[in-house]
Amino acid sequence: MRELLRVAAAVVVGLWLCCTSALAIEPETAREMRIHEARIVINQPGDFDAKKPTQLILFADPNGNTIEQTLGARLEPGMDWHYDIQHIAAQTRKLRRIDREENVVVACLEADKKSWPLWRKEHGDANGKTIREIVDQVSRAVPGPVKIALAGHSGGGSFIFGYLNGGDSIAENVNRIAWIDANYAYDNENEHHGDKLLAWLNGDPKRHLIVIAYNDRKATLNGKPFVSETGGTFYRSGKMIEFFNSHEESRLTQGNRGPFLEYCGMSGQIHFLLHTNPDGKILHTVLVERNGLLEAMTWDTPLYAKWDEGFWGDRAYSDFIAPLPHSAPATAPATSRAVVSGIPPRPANAMGGKMFCETIADLPPKAREAAIVAEIVKGNLPDFERKFCQVTAKANGHECVFEVIPDYLAVGSDQDFVRMPMTPISAKQIADAFGCTLPTRKMVNDIYAAAEVKLEPKPLTEQREAVRTFVQHNAIIAEQRAGKPLGLLIAGDKKDVVISNKLKEKPNKVAIYGWHKPDGKPIQPLYTGHGDFYADYSHGIRLVKKTVVVDGKKMAIERLLKDPELSVLLSDEGPIEASY
């Protein structure tokens, strides 16, 4: 059975402060994930502000291109030419420079074997639902609520069509869909793509569909055409236009814009730009290079007039092209790429734990949770929590080794950190971003048994949900563990937020368990009485890596927990089907 989910998060880019031309590239961070045989790199601004709305651009890579090539880099002698044809990172940086009201985040998606059409074929009829899982997982890895733009170039457009096929409707948080010479797979007769797009557009006037293509039927290679009369994006664009014109509410007006035919409808919600290609050139990648993403993301917004050159002009993002990160290969890539597991390094200017707690102490709950997620996801946690400890579980002749952080998740440095209670929804966002999950009740017992430092619980009774109580309890724990080096596996200091089958019976709840006393008995039996919006000083978040080792072989923890035979290694509730 295909592994349903595996994620490995890694920091792949630090801060770029280099100066190119007259402009400095602003700090940014990036981290890597793997989900369903797909590789994703999420690039977000270094000054990500959880109080601002967030626009997440999911950009599906074209066939044969790596994420690094799609993001682009300053081309140097000896570098592969693919780094200089899309520049999604530089176009995103330009977008950030003109859009100060939002966090602009871009996630590039690379299919294994570097082909989304092939990936979809290998994943069978369920590929659409799997793509929707990828979209949901990536969006949850970005702090706070997000608006999602689905975009793709060339074969990357297949990812978007897979998304359309994966459900009867398009999710409400998708606010923009853009095919940049990528709409080869449009099919309304069998897949009802047009019907779904029109229903989605009708649902909110702020939603936009952008299609950019060229007359590829006129293009020639070695003097011969390579696209049939009914193939290519020009033909498919015509079929899309035909569909929208067949409905009164979406009829398009046609005009000319230089060498482009321009079609607009629904007061700007629909926007087609089709290059007539009178010279018979191959313009496939040029449509992206000449500001295609900027055109797609700013059309029909106040930002449209704020960037230079305009679509089809010179590169408006030249000043934002960065050198190639050291982690990326400069020459043609190998067929596979190892993924390094890890958590982002702590930013040099990150706040200490106590100061951070003071900044969020008086925030309303939702804003507080968003701030916690943003702070930890960007790497503001102590260094000792980046080193996982191994715990061994045995049952029925099998052995499982799983890895956990040594203490409960905290904000700050090794010298100044505060263990940070949070809702299970926030914990899940952070766990997803770091390639982790939460423990089960049995795992909490196993962790306590294996702990090198066991503390006696010290309950508090007043203002349990107040951030300043979090700090007070953290100080009590610090006194208890004085003299013990950081990094030892510790338990007994808090209850655990856990995953449990009880969440199937009681959805939208938080499951808590543990806080073992010195005799090994937990203060808190497995309990699901609080809503999933609840967190108090006694709750702790223990991250568990999603990959475990069973009888010497690696396995996804989700797969193990669902296995009728092996789940007993990590669950005393039988196979685990529920999660947050």
Protein backbone atom coordinates (compact mmCIF):
# COMPACT_ATOMS: atom_id res chain seq x y z
CA MET A 1 0.00 0.00 0.00
CA ARG A 2 1.33 3.40 -0.99
CA GLU A 3 2.43 5.44 1.96
CA LEU A 4 -0.29 8.01 2.57
CA LEU A 5 1.84 10.71 4.01
CA ARG A 6 5.47 11.36 4.68
CA VAL A 7 6.95 14.73 5.40
CA ALA A 8 10.51 15.74 6.04
CA ALA A 9 11.06 19.39 6.77
CA ALA A 10 14.42 21.03 6.26
CA VAL A 11 15.75 24.53 6.11
CA VAL A 12 17.24 25.00 2.68
CA VAL A 13 17.72 28.74 2.61
CA GLY A 14 18.74 31.18 5.32
CA LEU A 15 18.75 34.91 4.95
CA TRP A 16 19.70 36.72 1.75
CA LEU A 17 21.00 40.19 2.49
CA CYS A 18 23.06 40.62 -0.64
CA CYS A 19 22.68 43.76 -2.72
CA THR A 20 21.88 43.47 -6.39
CA SER A 21 21.75 46.67 -8.38
CA ALA A 22 20.21 49.42 -6.23
CA LEU A 23 17.91 47.18 -4.21
CA ALA A 24 18.62 44.80 -1.31
CA ILE A 25 16.90 41.45 -1.27
CA GLU A 26 14.99 41.26 1.97
CA PRO A 27 15.45 38.39 4.45
CA GLU A 28 13.50 35.24 3.71
CA THR A 29 13.37 31.68 4.99
CA ALA A 30 12.61 28.42 3.26
CA ARG A 31 11.91 24.91 4.40
CA GLU A 32 11.40 21.63 2.61
CA MET A 33 8.69 19.01 2.92
CA ARG A 34 7.88 15.68 1.29
CA ILE A 35 4.26 14.64 0.91
CA HIS A 36 2.92 11.76 -1.18
CA GLU A 37 6.04 11.33 -3.31
CA ALA A 38 6.21 15.06 -3.93
CA ARG A 39 8.84 17.52 -2.81
CA ILE A 40 7.81 21.00 -1.67
CA VAL A 41 9.87 24.04 -0.71
CA ILE A 42 8.03 26.83 1.11
CA ASN A 43 9.64 30.27 0.82
CA GLN A 44 8.29 32.97 3.10
CA PRO A 45 9.38 36.47 4.13
CA GLY A 46 11.78 36.70 7.04
CA ASP A 47 9.55 39.30 8.68
CA PHE A 48 6.43 37.12 8.47
CA ASP A 49 3.75 38.88 10.52
CA ALA A 50 1.04 36.63 11.94
CA LYS A 51 -1.25 39.65 12.28
CA LYS A 52 -1.34 40.18 8.52
CA PRO A 53 -3.36 38.16 6.01
CA THR A 54 -1.32 35.64 4.03
CA GLN A 55 -1.35 34.91 0.30
CA LEU A 56 0.07 31.46 -0.40
CA ILE A 57 1.09 30.75 -4.00
CA LEU A 58 1.29 27.05 -4.80
CA PHE A 59 3.39 26.87 -7.96
CA ALA A 60 3.62 23.46 -9.64
CA ASP A 61 6.93 22.89 -11.43
CA PRO A 62 7.07 22.16 -15.16
CA ASN A 63 8.17 18.74 -16.39
CA GLY A 64 11.88 18.10 -16.02
CA ASN A 65 12.59 21.03 -13.71
CA THR A 66 13.70 20.96 -10.09
CA ILE A 67 12.35 23.33 -7.49
CA GLU A 68 15.66 25.19 -7.43
CA GLN A 69 15.48 25.73 -11.20
CA THR A 70 11.87 26.89 -10.95
CA LEU A 71 12.69 29.33 -8.17
CA GLY A 72 15.62 30.53 -10.27
CA ALA A 73 18.98 32.09 -9.51
CA ARG A 74 21.54 34.47 -10.92
CA LEU A 75 23.10 32.58 -13.82
CA GLU A 76 26.86 32.08 -13.52
CA PRO A 77 29.29 30.32 -15.88
CA GLY A 78 28.78 26.56 -15.76
CA MET A 79 25.27 26.73 -14.33
CA ASP A 80 22.38 24.83 -15.90
CA TRP A 81 20.32 27.15 -18.13
CA HIS A 82 17.07 26.07 -16.46
CA TYR A 83 17.86 28.39 -13.55
CA ASP A 84 17.26 31.40 -15.78
CA ILE A 85 13.86 30.77 -17.39
CA GLN A 86 11.18 31.15 -14.68
CA HIS A 87 12.48 33.05 -11.65
CA ILE A 88 9.48 32.34 -9.46
CA ALA A 89 11.45 33.38 -6.36
CA ALA A 90 12.48 36.75 -7.82
CA GLN A 91 8.97 37.45 -9.08
CA THR A 92 7.65 36.65 -5.61
CA ARG A 93 10.19 39.00 -4.03
CA LYS A 94 9.05 41.75 -6.37
CA LEU A 95 5.47 41.02 -5.35
CA ARG A 96 6.43 41.30 -1.68
CA ARG A 97 8.10 44.64 -2.32
CA ILE A 98 4.89 46.14 -3.73
CA ASP A 99 2.47 44.32 -1.39
CA ARG A 100 3.07 45.46 2.18
CA GLU A 101 -0.41 44.50 3.38
CA GLU A 102 0.05 40.72 3.16
CA ASN A 103 2.56 37.99 3.85
CA VAL A 104 3.36 36.62 0.39
CA VAL A 105 4.48 32.99 0.60
CA VAL A 106 5.36 30.78 -2.36
CA ALA A 107 5.52 26.98 -2.27
CA CYS A 108 7.09 25.21 -5.25
CA LEU A 109 5.93 21.66 -5.84
CA GLU A 110 8.09 19.07 -7.60
CA ALA A 111 6.72 15.62 -8.42
CA ASP A 112 8.96 12.62 -8.09
CA LYS A 113 10.43 11.93 -11.54
CA LYS A 114 9.79 15.64 -12.20
CA SER A 115 6.51 15.18 -14.04
CA TRP A 116 3.07 15.91 -12.62
CA PRO A 117 1.28 14.10 -15.48
CA LEU A 118 3.38 10.97 -14.78
CA TRP A 119 2.87 11.36 -11.03
CA ARG A 120 -0.89 11.51 -11.51
CA LYS A 121 -0.83 8.41 -13.72
CA GLU A 122 1.16 6.46 -11.12
CA HIS A 123 -1.26 7.52 -8.36
CA GLY A 124 -4.26 6.19 -10.26
CA ASP A 125 -7.85 7.34 -9.99
CA ALA A 126 -7.31 8.77 -6.50
CA ASN A 127 -4.65 11.23 -7.68
CA GLY A 128 -7.00 14.20 -7.44
CA LYS A 129 -7.89 13.55 -3.82
CA THR A 130 -4.21 13.04 -3.07
CA ILE A 131 -3.39 16.39 -4.64
CA ARG A 132 -6.02 18.01 -2.44
CA GLU A 133 -4.33 16.44 0.56
CA ILE A 134 -1.04 17.96 -0.57
CA VAL A 135 -2.64 21.40 -0.91
CA ASP A 136 -4.24 21.13 2.53
CA GLN A 137 -1.02 19.91 4.12
CA VAL A 138 1.09 22.70 2.65
CA SER A 139 -1.45 25.37 3.58
CA ARG A 140 -1.48 24.11 7.17
CA ALA A 141 2.32 24.41 7.28
CA VAL A 142 1.95 28.18 6.85
CA PRO A 143 0.90 30.00 10.05
CA GLY A 144 -2.59 31.37 10.33
CA PRO A 145 -5.42 31.40 7.78
CA VAL A 146 -4.26 31.68 4.19
CA LYS A 147 -5.67 32.49 0.79
CA ILE A 148 -4.42 30.04 -1.82
CA ALA A 149 -3.41 30.71 -5.40
CA LEU A 150 -2.98 27.62 -7.56
CA ALA A 151 -0.48 28.32 -10.34
CA GLY A 152 1.61 26.25 -12.69
CA HIS A 153 3.67 26.31 -15.86
CA SER A 154 3.78 23.67 -18.57
CA GLY A 155 3.28 20.19 -17.05
CA GLY A 156 2.68 21.87 -13.71
CA GLY A 157 -0.79 22.69 -14.97
CA SER A 158 -1.62 19.00 -14.57
CA PHE A 159 -1.37 19.45 -10.82
CA ILE A 160 -4.14 22.07 -10.93
CA PHE A 161 -6.37 19.89 -13.11
CA GLY A 162 -5.78 17.03 -10.68
CA TYR A 163 -6.94 19.33 -7.91
CA LEU A 164 -10.11 20.14 -9.88
CA ASN A 165 -10.75 16.44 -10.42
CA GLY A 166 -10.31 15.70 -6.71
CA GLY A 167 -13.67 17.10 -5.60
CA ASP A 168 -17.02 18.42 -6.70
CA SER A 169 -16.07 22.01 -5.92
CA ILE A 170 -13.05 24.23 -5.42
CA ALA A 171 -12.22 25.09 -1.80
CA GLU A 172 -13.41 28.47 -0.55
CA ASN A 173 -9.90 29.57 0.46
CA VAL A 174 -8.66 29.30 -3.14
CA ASN A 175 -8.80 32.86 -4.44
CA ARG A 176 -6.81 32.64 -7.69
CA ILE A 177 -6.05 30.00 -10.34
CA ALA A 178 -3.44 30.66 -13.02
CA TRP A 179 -2.30 28.49 -15.90
CA ILE A 180 0.82 29.89 -17.57
CA ASP A 181 0.98 27.95 -20.84
CA ALA A 182 -0.20 24.99 -18.82
CA ASN A 183 -3.87 24.25 -19.57
CA TYR A 184 -3.27 21.20 -21.80
CA ALA A 185 -5.62 18.98 -19.82
CA TYR A 186 -8.74 21.16 -19.85
CA ASP A 187 -11.80 18.93 -20.34
CA ASN A 188 -15.34 19.98 -19.53
CA GLU A 189 -17.12 17.10 -21.23
CA ASN A 190 -15.71 14.40 -18.95
CA GLU A 191 -14.19 16.21 -15.98
CA HIS A 192 -16.46 19.30 -15.85
CA HIS A 193 -13.52 21.66 -15.39
CA GLY A 194 -15.41 24.61 -16.82
CA ASP A 195 -18.47 23.97 -14.66
CA LYS A 196 -16.35 23.83 -11.50
CA LEU A 197 -14.43 26.97 -12.42
CA LEU A 198 -17.59 28.93 -13.17
CA ALA A 199 -19.27 27.85 -9.93
CA TRP A 200 -16.13 28.87 -8.04
CA LEU A 201 -15.99 32.29 -9.74
CA ASN A 202 -19.66 32.90 -9.03
CA GLY A 203 -19.04 32.18 -5.34
CA ASP A 204 -16.95 35.31 -4.68
CA PRO A 205 -16.21 38.36 -6.88
CA LYS A 206 -12.67 38.45 -5.46
CA ARG A 207 -11.77 35.14 -7.14
CA HIS A 208 -9.80 35.21 -10.38
CA LEU A 209 -8.97 32.87 -13.23
CA ILE A 210 -5.95 33.77 -15.37
CA VAL A 211 -4.88 31.89 -18.48
CA ILE A 212 -1.74 32.87 -20.40
CA ALA A 213 -0.85 30.95 -23.56
CA TYR A 214 0.40 31.39 -27.13
CA ASN A 215 -0.44 30.05 -30.57
CA ASP A 216 1.74 26.96 -30.29
CA ARG A 217 0.24 25.56 -33.50
CA LYS A 218 2.29 28.12 -35.41
CA ALA A 219 5.51 27.34 -33.56
CA THR A 220 8.10 25.26 -35.39
CA LEU A 221 11.06 23.14 -34.32
CA ASN A 222 13.68 22.43 -36.97
CA GLY A 223 11.32 23.99 -39.48
CA LYS A 224 8.37 21.75 -38.63
CA PRO A 225 5.29 22.33 -36.43
CA PHE A 226 5.19 20.14 -33.33
CA VAL A 227 1.65 20.78 -32.05
CA SER A 228 -1.43 19.43 -33.81
CA GLU A 229 -4.50 21.54 -34.63
CA THR A 230 -6.32 20.12 -31.61
CA GLY A 231 -3.34 19.93 -29.25
CA GLY A 232 -1.50 22.47 -27.18
CA THR A 233 -2.59 25.31 -24.95
CA PHE A 234 -3.91 27.58 -27.69
CA TYR A 235 -6.55 25.06 -28.68
CA ARG A 236 -7.47 24.32 -25.06
CA SER A 237 -7.71 28.03 -24.31
CA GLY A 238 -10.15 28.32 -27.17
CA LYS A 239 -12.27 25.55 -25.67
CA MET A 240 -12.27 27.33 -22.32
CA ILE A 241 -13.28 30.61 -23.95
CA GLU A 242 -16.01 28.78 -25.84
CA PHE A 243 -17.37 27.41 -22.56
CA PHE A 244 -17.44 30.78 -20.78
CA ASN A 245 -19.07 32.45 -23.79
CA SER A 246 -21.84 29.84 -23.68
CA HIS A 247 -23.00 31.20 -20.31
CA GLU A 248 -24.56 34.61 -20.05
CA GLU A 249 -22.94 35.56 -16.75
CA SER A 250 -19.43 34.75 -18.01
CA ARG A 251 -19.41 36.01 -21.58
CA LEU A 252 -16.07 37.47 -22.50
CA THR A 253 -15.16 40.66 -24.27
CA GLN A 254 -12.31 40.43 -26.77
CA GLY A 255 -9.63 43.01 -27.39
CA ASN A 256 -6.03 43.33 -28.47
CA ARG A 257 -3.01 44.01 -26.30
CA GLY A 258 0.09 44.20 -28.45
CA PRO A 259 0.63 40.74 -29.96
CA PHE A 260 -1.95 39.24 -27.57
CA LEU A 261 -5.62 38.54 -27.92
CA GLU A 262 -7.16 39.55 -24.60
CA TYR A 263 -10.42 38.16 -23.24
CA CYS A 264 -12.02 39.46 -20.07
CA GLY A 265 -15.23 38.62 -18.29
CA MET A 266 -17.17 38.81 -15.05
CA SER A 267 -15.86 42.32 -14.32
CA GLY A 268 -12.24 41.18 -14.54
CA GLN A 269 -12.54 37.86 -12.74
CA ILE A 270 -11.67 36.01 -15.95
CA HIS A 271 -8.57 37.04 -17.88
CA PHE A 272 -7.11 35.34 -20.96
CA LEU A 273 -3.94 36.52 -22.74
CA LEU A 274 -3.20 34.58 -25.93
CA HIS A 275 -0.11 35.51 -27.97
CA THR A 276 -0.88 35.25 -31.66
CA ASN A 277 2.73 34.24 -32.47
CA PRO A 278 2.95 35.73 -35.97
CA ASP A 279 6.65 34.79 -36.23
CA GLY A 280 6.14 31.13 -35.38
CA LYS A 281 8.45 31.19 -32.34
CA ILE A 282 8.50 28.88 -29.34
CA LEU A 283 7.30 31.14 -26.53
CA HIS A 284 6.58 28.46 -23.96
CA THR A 285 8.97 29.54 -21.18
CA VAL A 286 9.06 33.19 -22.25
CA LEU A 287 5.49 33.59 -21.02
CA VAL A 288 6.75 32.96 -17.49
CA GLU A 289 10.06 34.76 -17.80
CA ARG A 290 8.54 38.01 -19.01
CA ASN A 291 6.67 38.65 -15.76
CA GLY A 292 4.06 35.93 -16.13
CA LEU A 293 3.65 35.24 -12.42
CA LEU A 294 3.45 38.95 -11.57
CA GLU A 295 0.74 39.36 -14.22
CA ALA A 296 -1.19 36.40 -12.86
CA MET A 297 -0.99 37.46 -9.21
CA THR A 298 -1.73 41.18 -9.57
CA TRP A 299 -4.35 41.24 -12.31
CA ASP A 300 -7.48 43.15 -11.26
CA THR A 301 -5.92 44.33 -7.98
CA PRO A 302 -4.49 47.70 -6.86
CA LEU A 303 -1.02 46.14 -7.17
CA TYR A 304 -1.33 45.85 -10.94
CA ALA A 305 -0.11 49.40 -11.55
CA LYS A 306 2.69 49.21 -8.98
CA TRP A 307 5.25 47.07 -10.75
CA ASP A 308 7.49 48.25 -13.57
CA GLU A 309 7.72 47.09 -17.18
CA GLY A 310 4.39 45.23 -17.25
CA PHE A 311 3.70 41.82 -18.73
CA TRP A 312 5.72 41.06 -21.84
CA GLY A 313 8.15 43.86 -21.03
CA ASP A 314 11.66 43.44 -19.65
CA ARG A 315 12.06 41.50 -16.45
CA ALA A 316 10.48 43.61 -13.72
CA TYR A 317 12.19 41.46 -11.08
CA SER A 318 15.84 41.65 -12.21
CA ASP A 319 16.93 43.36 -9.00
CA PHE A 320 15.47 40.50 -6.98
CA ILE A 321 17.37 37.59 -8.56
CA ALA A 322 19.58 36.05 -5.87
CA PRO A 323 22.68 33.88 -6.22
CA LEU A 324 22.16 30.14 -6.15
CA PRO A 325 21.99 28.83 -2.56
CA HIS A 326 24.91 26.56 -1.68
CA SER A 327 22.48 23.70 -1.07
CA ALA A 328 21.37 23.58 -4.71
CA PRO A 329 23.33 21.91 -7.54
CA ALA A 330 24.54 24.36 -10.20
CA THR A 331 24.78 21.79 -12.96
CA ALA A 332 22.11 19.52 -14.36
CA PRO A 333 20.42 17.70 -11.45
CA ALA A 334 20.66 14.04 -10.60
CA THR A 335 17.55 11.90 -10.88
CA SER A 336 16.97 11.82 -7.14
CA ARG A 337 17.64 14.09 -4.20
CA ALA A 338 18.18 13.29 -0.56
CA VAL A 339 16.03 15.20 1.91
CA VAL A 340 17.65 16.32 5.14
CA SER A 341 15.35 16.31 8.15
CA GLY A 342 15.54 19.27 10.49
CA ILE A 343 14.08 22.42 12.01
CA PRO A 344 14.95 25.97 10.89
CA PRO A 345 17.93 27.58 12.63
CA ARG A 346 17.01 30.18 15.21
CA PRO A 347 17.04 33.70 13.67
CA ALA A 348 19.82 35.89 15.04
CA ASN A 349 17.34 38.58 16.11
CA ALA A 350 14.75 36.22 17.63
CA MET A 351 13.16 37.15 20.95
CA GLY A 352 13.83 35.27 24.15
CA GLY A 353 11.03 33.19 25.59
CA LYS A 354 10.02 35.58 28.36
CA MET A 355 9.93 38.62 26.08
CA PHE A 356 7.87 36.74 23.50
CA CYS A 357 5.38 35.69 26.16
CA GLU A 358 4.99 39.29 27.25
CA THR A 359 4.22 40.36 23.67
CA ILE A 360 1.38 37.83 23.39
CA ALA A 361 0.12 37.91 26.98
CA ASP A 362 -2.79 40.25 26.28
CA LEU A 363 -3.71 39.11 22.78
CA PRO A 364 -7.07 37.47 22.09
CA PRO A 365 -6.78 33.67 21.79
CA LYS A 366 -6.78 33.40 17.97
CA ALA A 367 -4.15 36.10 17.55
CA ARG A 368 -2.05 34.55 20.32
CA GLU A 369 -2.15 31.12 18.67
CA ALA A 370 -1.20 32.56 15.27
CA ALA A 371 1.74 34.39 16.85
CA ILE A 372 2.97 31.22 18.57
CA VAL A 373 2.84 29.22 15.35
CA ALA A 374 4.61 31.92 13.36
CA GLU A 375 7.36 32.29 15.97
CA ILE A 376 8.15 28.59 16.21
CA VAL A 377 7.82 27.82 12.51
CA LYS A 378 10.41 30.48 11.70
CA GLY A 379 12.82 28.71 14.05
CA ASN A 380 12.57 30.51 17.39
CA LEU A 381 12.98 27.47 19.61
CA PRO A 382 15.95 26.39 21.70
CA ASP A 383 18.77 24.50 20.03
CA PHE A 384 18.51 21.51 22.37
CA GLU A 385 15.03 20.78 21.00
CA ARG A 386 16.47 20.17 17.53
CA LYS A 387 18.15 16.97 18.71
CA PHE A 388 15.67 14.10 18.90
CA CYS A 389 15.85 11.26 21.42
CA GLN A 390 15.16 7.63 20.52
CA VAL A 391 12.53 5.60 22.37
CA THR A 392 12.11 1.85 21.80
CA ALA A 393 8.79 0.00 21.99
CA LYS A 394 8.36 -3.78 21.70
CA ALA A 395 5.27 -5.95 21.22
CA ASN A 396 4.34 -9.31 19.71
CA GLY A 397 7.87 -10.03 18.57
CA HIS A 398 8.29 -6.66 16.82
CA GLU A 399 10.39 -3.65 17.74
CA CYS A 400 9.81 0.00 16.89
CA VAL A 401 12.19 2.89 17.43
CA PHE A 402 10.60 6.34 17.33
CA GLU A 403 12.20 9.74 17.86
CA VAL A 404 10.91 12.61 20.02
CA ILE A 405 12.13 16.01 21.10
CA PRO A 406 13.67 15.81 24.59
CA ASP A 407 11.24 18.23 26.24
CA TYR A 408 7.95 19.96 25.45
CA LEU A 409 8.00 22.48 22.62
CA ALA A 410 9.26 25.89 23.71
CA VAL A 411 9.92 29.38 22.36
CA GLY A 412 13.29 31.08 22.89
CA SER A 413 16.95 30.16 23.29
CA ASP A 414 18.73 27.58 25.42
CA GLN A 415 19.35 30.36 27.95
CA ASP A 416 15.85 31.89 27.84
CA PHE A 417 13.00 29.60 26.80
CA VAL A 418 9.40 29.05 27.85
CA ARG A 419 7.55 25.79 27.23
CA MET A 420 4.58 26.84 25.14
CA PRO A 421 1.10 25.37 25.62
CA MET A 422 -1.11 25.74 22.57
CA THR A 423 -4.23 24.35 20.95
CA PRO A 424 -4.00 21.04 19.07
CA ILE A 425 -4.67 22.91 15.82
CA SER A 426 -1.61 25.10 16.36
CA ALA A 427 0.43 22.06 17.41
CA LYS A 428 -0.59 20.25 14.23
CA GLN A 429 0.50 23.20 12.06
CA ILE A 430 3.94 23.23 13.66
CA ALA A 431 4.27 19.44 13.57
CA ASP A 432 3.37 19.39 9.87
CA ALA A 433 5.92 22.11 9.12
CA PHE A 434 8.68 20.13 10.87
CA GLY A 435 7.81 16.70 9.48
CA CYS A 436 6.44 15.54 12.82
CA THR A 437 3.27 14.39 14.52
CA LEU A 438 1.96 14.09 18.11
CA PRO A 439 2.20 11.00 20.34
CA THR A 440 -0.46 8.49 21.34
CA ARG A 441 -1.29 7.59 24.94
CA LYS A 442 0.95 4.51 24.76
CA MET A 443 3.82 6.54 23.37
CA VAL A 444 3.52 8.98 26.27
CA ASN A 445 3.85 6.04 28.67
CA ASP A 446 6.86 4.73 26.75
CA ILE A 447 8.48 8.18 26.77
CA TYR A 448 8.00 8.46 30.53
CA ALA A 449 9.52 5.01 31.05
CA ALA A 450 12.53 5.95 28.92
CA ALA A 451 13.00 9.45 30.37
CA GLU A 452 16.41 10.21 31.85
CA VAL A 453 14.91 12.99 33.99
CA LYS A 454 11.57 12.42 35.74
CA LEU A 455 10.00 15.40 37.52
CA GLU A 456 7.18 15.46 40.03
CA PRO A 457 4.06 17.28 38.76
CA LYS A 458 3.47 20.74 40.27
CA PRO A 459 -0.13 21.75 39.47
CA LEU A 460 -1.42 25.33 39.59
CA THR A 461 -5.04 26.29 40.08
CA GLU A 462 -5.53 29.95 39.13
CA GLN A 463 -5.65 31.64 35.70
CA ARG A 464 -4.80 28.36 34.04
CA GLU A 465 -5.20 29.71 30.50
CA ALA A 466 -3.14 32.90 30.98
CA VAL A 467 0.21 33.27 29.25
CA ARG A 468 1.77 34.66 32.41
CA THR A 469 0.77 31.43 34.14
CA PHE A 470 2.65 29.59 31.38
CA VAL A 471 5.74 31.56 32.40
CA GLN A 472 5.13 30.94 36.10
CA HIS A 473 4.86 27.17 35.58
CA ASN A 474 7.94 27.19 33.36
CA ALA A 475 9.92 28.78 36.22
CA ILE A 476 8.78 26.00 38.57
CA ILE A 477 10.00 23.36 36.11
CA ALA A 478 13.32 25.20 35.77
CA GLU A 479 13.85 24.97 39.52
CA GLN A 480 13.00 21.26 39.50
CA ARG A 481 15.44 20.36 36.73
CA ALA A 482 18.26 22.63 37.94
CA GLY A 483 21.64 20.98 37.47
CA LYS A 484 20.42 18.63 34.74
CA PRO A 485 21.88 19.35 31.29
CA LEU A 486 19.53 20.33 28.47
CA GLY A 487 18.89 17.67 25.86
CA LEU A 488 18.19 14.78 28.23
CA LEU A 489 14.81 13.14 27.69
CA ILE A 490 12.55 14.64 30.35
CA ALA A 491 9.02 13.78 31.48
CA GLY A 492 6.65 14.55 34.33
CA ASP A 493 6.65 18.29 33.70
CA LYS A 494 3.37 18.53 31.73
CA LYS A 495 0.42 16.64 30.26
CA ASP A 496 0.61 15.68 26.59
CA VAL A 497 -1.68 16.69 23.76
CA VAL A 498 -2.16 13.34 22.04
CA ILE A 499 -3.83 11.70 19.07
CA SER A 500 -6.55 9.21 19.96
CA ASN A 501 -9.45 7.30 18.47
CA LYS A 502 -11.65 9.15 20.95
CA LEU A 503 -11.36 12.12 18.58
CA LYS A 504 -13.52 10.17 16.12
CA GLU A 505 -16.28 10.02 18.72
CA LYS A 506 -15.73 13.62 19.81
CA PRO A 507 -14.49 15.71 16.89
CA ASN A 508 -13.34 19.29 17.44
CA LYS A 509 -11.97 18.36 20.86
CA VAL A 510 -8.46 18.23 22.33
CA ALA A 511 -7.22 14.89 23.67
CA ILE A 512 -4.90 15.19 26.68
CA TYR A 513 -3.15 12.53 28.74
CA GLY A 514 -0.34 12.00 31.23
CA TRP A 515 1.60 14.13 33.67
CA HIS A 516 2.96 11.06 35.42
CA LYS A 517 3.63 11.06 39.13
CA PRO A 518 6.79 9.48 40.60
CA ASP A 519 4.93 6.17 41.00
CA GLY A 520 4.44 6.12 37.21
CA LYS A 521 0.69 6.75 37.32
CA PRO A 522 -0.66 9.69 35.29
CA ILE A 523 -2.60 12.50 36.92
CA GLN A 524 -4.61 12.94 33.73
CA PRO A 525 -6.44 9.93 32.21
CA LEU A 526 -7.15 10.21 28.50
CA TYR A 527 -9.64 13.10 28.33
CA THR A 528 -11.51 14.80 25.49
CA GLY A 529 -13.79 17.15 27.39
CA HIS A 530 -12.28 20.45 26.18
CA GLY A 531 -12.83 21.97 22.73
CA ASP A 532 -9.91 22.11 20.31
CA PHE A 533 -9.68 25.86 21.00
CA TYR A 534 -8.56 25.16 24.58
CA ALA A 535 -5.03 25.22 26.03
CA ASP A 536 -3.81 25.77 29.58
CA TYR A 537 -0.48 25.94 31.41
CA SER A 538 -0.38 22.15 32.01
CA HIS A 539 -0.53 21.17 28.31
CA GLY A 540 2.70 20.26 26.54
CA ILE A 541 3.48 19.56 22.89
CA ARG A 542 5.89 16.68 22.29
CA LEU A 543 6.93 16.40 18.63
CA VAL A 544 7.47 12.93 17.18
CA LYS A 545 9.19 12.29 13.86
CA LYS A 546 6.86 10.86 11.25
CA THR A 547 9.33 8.19 10.19
CA VAL A 548 9.93 5.29 12.57
CA VAL A 549 12.06 2.16 12.33
CA VAL A 550 10.20 -1.15 12.62
CA ASP A 551 12.26 -4.32 12.80
CA GLY A 552 15.16 -2.46 11.25
CA LYS A 553 13.18 -0.92 8.36
CA LYS A 554 11.88 2.63 7.98
CA MET A 555 8.12 3.12 7.96
CA ALA A 556 5.73 6.07 8.06
CA ILE A 557 4.25 6.34 11.55
CA GLU A 558 0.78 6.95 10.11
CA ARG A 559 0.99 3.68 8.21
CA LEU A 560 2.13 1.82 11.33
CA LEU A 561 -0.67 3.26 13.45
CA LYS A 562 -3.26 2.03 10.94
CA ASP A 563 -1.75 -1.44 10.63
CA PRO A 564 -3.90 -4.11 12.40
CA GLU A 565 -0.82 -6.06 13.50
CA LEU A 566 1.87 -3.43 14.05
CA SER A 567 -0.21 -0.65 15.62
CA VAL A 568 0.12 -2.37 19.00
CA LEU A 569 3.71 -1.12 19.07
CA LEU A 570 2.58 2.50 19.49
CA SER A 571 -1.12 2.31 20.38
CA ASP A 572 -3.13 0.75 23.20
CA GLU A 573 -6.39 1.68 21.42
CA GLY A 574 -5.97 -0.55 18.40
CA PRO A 575 -5.31 0.94 14.94
CA ILE A 576 -5.47 4.75 15.10
CA GLU A 577 -7.76 6.32 12.52
CA ALA A 578 -8.28 9.76 14.07
CA SER A 579 -6.14 12.88 14.04
CA TYR A 580 -6.55 16.64 14.35
